[in-house]
N, C-alpha and C. Protein backbone atom coordinates (compact mmCIF):
# COMPACT_ATOMS: atom_id res chain seq x y z
N LYS A 1 -23.10 32.42 -29.58
CA LYS A 1 -21.35 32.30 -29.32
C LYS A 1 -21.02 31.12 -30.60
N ILE A 2 -21.26 30.14 -31.04
CA ILE A 2 -20.98 29.28 -32.18
C ILE A 2 -20.65 30.45 -33.35
N ASN A 3 -21.94 31.13 -33.61
CA ASN A 3 -21.86 32.10 -34.69
C ASN A 3 -20.64 32.98 -34.85
N LEU A 4 -20.83 33.84 -33.54
CA LEU A 4 -19.98 34.65 -33.13
C LEU A 4 -18.30 34.09 -33.77
N ALA A 5 -18.12 32.94 -33.08
CA ALA A 5 -16.93 32.74 -32.79
C ALA A 5 -16.59 32.17 -34.39
N TYR A 6 -16.76 31.55 -35.49
CA TYR A 6 -16.89 31.13 -36.53
C TYR A 6 -16.79 32.39 -37.42
N HIS A 7 -17.93 33.44 -37.51
CA HIS A 7 -17.72 34.41 -38.10
C HIS A 7 -16.10 35.31 -38.43
N ARG A 8 -15.51 35.28 -36.61
CA ARG A 8 -14.66 35.70 -36.10
C ARG A 8 -13.63 35.04 -36.81
N SER A 9 -13.33 33.82 -37.28
CA SER A 9 -12.31 33.28 -37.81
C SER A 9 -12.24 33.32 -39.17
N GLN A 10 -13.25 34.17 -39.86
CA GLN A 10 -13.34 34.37 -41.15
C GLN A 10 -12.56 35.54 -41.44
N VAL A 11 -12.31 36.72 -40.36
CA VAL A 11 -11.98 38.02 -40.76
C VAL A 11 -10.18 37.73 -40.95
N GLY A 12 -9.89 38.78 -42.02
CA GLY A 12 -8.39 38.87 -43.08
C GLY A 12 -8.97 37.62 -44.25
N ALA A 13 -9.93 36.73 -44.08
CA ALA A 13 -9.99 35.91 -45.19
C ALA A 13 -10.73 36.58 -46.84
N THR A 14 -10.07 36.29 -47.66
CA THR A 14 -10.91 37.03 -49.18
C THR A 14 -11.89 35.44 -49.29
N ARG A 15 -13.17 36.28 -49.55
CA ARG A 15 -14.13 34.87 -50.02
C ARG A 15 -14.90 35.25 -51.28
N THR A 16 -15.33 34.44 -52.01
CA THR A 16 -15.93 34.92 -53.31
C THR A 16 -17.49 35.21 -52.53
N VAL A 17 -18.20 36.04 -53.05
CA VAL A 17 -19.84 36.29 -52.52
C VAL A 17 -20.70 36.49 -53.86
N LEU A 18 -21.61 36.19 -53.67
CA LEU A 18 -22.65 36.34 -54.45
C LEU A 18 -23.30 37.17 -54.39
N ASN A 19 -23.49 38.18 -55.13
CA ASN A 19 -24.20 39.70 -54.66
C ASN A 19 -25.50 39.33 -54.64
N GLU A 20 -26.60 39.83 -53.68
CA GLU A 20 -27.96 39.41 -53.49
C GLU A 20 -28.94 40.74 -53.95
N GLY A 21 -27.81 41.99 -54.10
CA GLY A 21 -28.87 43.28 -54.06
C GLY A 21 -28.03 44.38 -53.11
N PHE A 22 -28.32 45.54 -53.36
CA PHE A 22 -27.88 46.78 -52.32
C PHE A 22 -28.90 47.09 -51.29
N ASP A 23 -28.32 47.16 -50.46
CA ASP A 23 -29.39 47.91 -48.98
C ASP A 23 -28.78 48.81 -48.82
N ALA A 24 -29.88 49.99 -49.37
CA ALA A 24 -29.84 51.45 -49.22
C ALA A 24 -29.46 51.81 -47.79
N PRO A 25 -30.28 51.34 -47.02
CA PRO A 25 -30.08 51.68 -45.15
C PRO A 25 -28.63 52.08 -44.54
N SER A 26 -27.94 50.44 -45.28
CA SER A 26 -26.67 50.33 -45.00
C SER A 26 -25.71 51.01 -45.61
N GLY A 27 -26.00 51.34 -47.12
CA GLY A 27 -25.17 51.18 -48.10
C GLY A 27 -24.29 50.63 -48.27
N CYS A 28 -24.60 49.19 -48.35
CA CYS A 28 -23.63 47.83 -48.72
C CYS A 28 -24.52 47.07 -49.43
N TYR A 29 -23.95 46.59 -50.29
CA TYR A 29 -24.04 45.19 -51.23
C TYR A 29 -24.73 43.70 -49.98
N VAL A 30 -25.32 43.55 -50.47
CA VAL A 30 -25.60 42.03 -49.36
C VAL A 30 -25.27 40.48 -50.33
N GLY A 31 -24.59 39.73 -49.70
CA GLY A 31 -24.62 38.70 -50.41
C GLY A 31 -24.22 37.70 -49.54
N ARG A 32 -23.76 36.50 -50.20
CA ARG A 32 -23.73 35.15 -49.39
C ARG A 32 -22.32 34.51 -50.16
N THR A 33 -21.86 33.81 -48.85
CA THR A 33 -20.31 32.92 -49.73
C THR A 33 -21.07 31.34 -50.48
N GLN A 34 -20.28 30.76 -50.90
CA GLN A 34 -21.20 29.56 -51.14
C GLN A 34 -21.50 28.48 -49.99
N ASP A 35 -20.61 29.17 -48.75
CA ASP A 35 -21.30 28.19 -47.89
C ASP A 35 -22.33 28.36 -46.92
N ASP A 36 -23.04 29.60 -47.35
CA ASP A 36 -24.34 30.20 -46.54
C ASP A 36 -25.68 29.61 -47.55
N ALA A 37 -26.11 29.08 -46.68
CA ALA A 37 -27.76 29.06 -47.00
C ALA A 37 -28.87 30.30 -46.92
N PRO A 38 -29.58 30.48 -47.59
CA PRO A 38 -30.53 31.44 -47.72
C PRO A 38 -31.27 31.13 -46.57
N GLU A 39 -31.84 32.29 -45.94
CA GLU A 39 -32.86 32.16 -44.61
C GLU A 39 -32.05 31.33 -43.36
N ILE A 40 -31.11 30.96 -43.89
CA ILE A 40 -30.37 29.98 -42.50
C ILE A 40 -29.40 30.70 -42.04
N ASP A 41 -28.58 30.87 -42.83
CA ASP A 41 -27.02 31.58 -42.28
C ASP A 41 -26.96 32.97 -42.79
N ALA A 42 -26.02 33.49 -41.96
CA ALA A 42 -25.57 35.15 -42.40
C ALA A 42 -25.36 35.60 -43.68
N ASN A 43 -25.88 36.79 -43.69
CA ASN A 43 -24.84 37.28 -44.71
C ASN A 43 -24.03 38.15 -44.69
N VAL A 44 -23.51 38.63 -45.89
CA VAL A 44 -22.29 38.85 -45.79
C VAL A 44 -22.36 40.51 -46.36
N LEU A 45 -22.20 41.75 -45.59
CA LEU A 45 -22.65 43.02 -45.97
C LEU A 45 -20.85 43.89 -46.33
N PHE A 46 -21.06 44.13 -47.92
CA PHE A 46 -19.81 44.59 -48.15
C PHE A 46 -20.04 45.92 -48.85
N VAL A 47 -19.00 46.53 -49.23
CA VAL A 47 -19.14 47.74 -49.96
C VAL A 47 -17.56 47.78 -51.15
N SER A 48 -18.42 48.26 -52.11
CA SER A 48 -17.51 47.99 -53.66
C SER A 48 -17.06 49.21 -54.58
N GLU A 49 -15.95 49.72 -54.93
CA GLU A 49 -15.91 50.43 -55.51
C GLU A 49 -16.52 50.45 -56.91
N ARG A 50 -16.94 49.13 -57.32
CA ARG A 50 -17.53 48.96 -58.73
C ARG A 50 -19.03 48.90 -58.45
N GLU A 51 -19.79 49.35 -59.20
CA GLU A 51 -21.20 49.10 -59.37
C GLU A 51 -21.36 47.43 -59.69
N LEU A 52 -22.11 46.90 -58.84
CA LEU A 52 -22.13 45.34 -58.80
C LEU A 52 -24.13 45.24 -59.40
N HIS A 53 -24.25 44.31 -59.91
CA HIS A 53 -25.94 43.69 -59.89
C HIS A 53 -25.80 42.55 -58.90
N PRO A 54 -27.63 42.21 -59.16
CA PRO A 54 -27.87 40.80 -58.25
C PRO A 54 -27.07 39.85 -59.42
N GLY A 55 -26.57 39.04 -58.89
CA GLY A 55 -26.05 37.88 -59.38
C GLY A 55 -24.43 37.86 -59.78
N ASP A 56 -24.14 39.05 -59.64
CA ASP A 56 -22.43 39.12 -59.74
C ASP A 56 -21.73 38.91 -58.51
N PHE A 57 -20.60 37.92 -58.86
CA PHE A 57 -19.48 37.83 -57.76
C PHE A 57 -18.72 39.06 -57.70
N ALA A 58 -18.45 38.60 -56.37
CA ALA A 58 -17.15 39.62 -56.21
C ALA A 58 -16.19 39.07 -55.31
N SER A 59 -15.08 39.20 -55.07
CA SER A 59 -13.94 38.57 -54.34
C SER A 59 -13.86 39.56 -52.97
N VAL A 60 -14.57 39.55 -52.15
CA VAL A 60 -14.50 40.08 -50.94
C VAL A 60 -13.85 39.93 -49.69
N LYS A 61 -12.69 41.10 -49.15
CA LYS A 61 -11.83 41.01 -47.88
C LYS A 61 -12.59 41.00 -46.74
N ILE A 62 -13.10 39.85 -46.04
CA ILE A 62 -13.78 40.08 -44.78
C ILE A 62 -12.96 41.26 -43.93
N ILE A 63 -13.62 42.28 -43.36
CA ILE A 63 -12.73 42.78 -42.39
C ILE A 63 -13.13 43.02 -41.01
N ASP A 64 -14.30 42.49 -40.61
CA ASP A 64 -15.10 42.34 -39.47
C ASP A 64 -16.25 41.26 -39.33
N ALA A 65 -16.68 41.29 -37.80
CA ALA A 65 -17.86 40.01 -38.00
C ALA A 65 -18.74 40.45 -36.88
N THR A 66 -19.65 39.88 -36.81
CA THR A 66 -20.63 40.20 -35.83
C THR A 66 -21.40 38.64 -35.58
N ASP A 67 -22.30 38.76 -34.49
CA ASP A 67 -23.12 37.33 -34.42
C ASP A 67 -23.90 37.29 -35.43
N GLU A 68 -24.50 38.35 -36.20
CA GLU A 68 -24.94 38.21 -37.43
C GLU A 68 -24.84 38.23 -38.79
N GLY A 69 -23.41 38.38 -39.00
CA GLY A 69 -22.78 37.72 -40.37
C GLY A 69 -21.35 38.58 -40.47
N LEU A 70 -21.11 38.90 -41.73
CA LEU A 70 -19.60 39.19 -41.86
C LEU A 70 -19.77 40.83 -42.39
N VAL A 71 -18.66 41.46 -42.48
CA VAL A 71 -18.25 42.56 -43.06
C VAL A 71 -17.29 42.46 -44.14
N GLY A 72 -17.54 43.24 -45.14
CA GLY A 72 -16.33 43.31 -46.22
C GLY A 72 -16.00 44.16 -47.20
N GLN A 73 -15.00 44.14 -47.57
CA GLN A 73 -14.48 45.05 -48.70
C GLN A 73 -14.24 44.30 -49.92
N ALA A 74 -14.99 44.90 -50.98
CA ALA A 74 -14.49 43.96 -52.09
C ALA A 74 -13.21 44.25 -52.98
N VAL A 75 -12.56 43.18 -53.64
CA VAL A 75 -11.25 43.74 -54.00
C VAL A 75 -10.87 42.91 -55.27
N TRP A 76 -10.43 44.06 -55.98
CA TRP A 76 -10.54 43.88 -57.74
C TRP A 76 -9.20 43.99 -58.06
N GLU A 77 -8.87 42.93 -58.80
CA GLU A 77 -7.01 43.02 -59.16
C GLU A 77 -7.19 43.75 -60.63
N GLU A 78 -6.00 44.36 -60.60
CA GLU A 78 -6.08 45.43 -61.60
C GLU A 78 -4.87 44.59 -62.68
N ARG A 79 -5.93 44.88 -63.85
CA ARG A 79 -5.14 44.57 -65.33
C ARG A 79 -4.07 45.37 -65.81
N ARG A 80 -3.36 44.02 -65.84
CA ARG A 80 -1.96 44.72 -66.88
C ARG A 80 -1.96 44.97 -68.14
């Protein structure tokens, strides 16, 4: 319940996420925010219009939450 409440509080926020790789079964990238510890905290699953590589950072708008983690969409600023 505590994890789900925290994750729900993140919906609507844009977080910087470190991409750890691509999860083919889900069709999503998998990453962590600066607040997430490996093997302890939940992952952020997100989609991106741009190809990412492990180690890349992305700004991710959190659009959903589960007790297991966050779900988001990478957002990219347009350059003028």
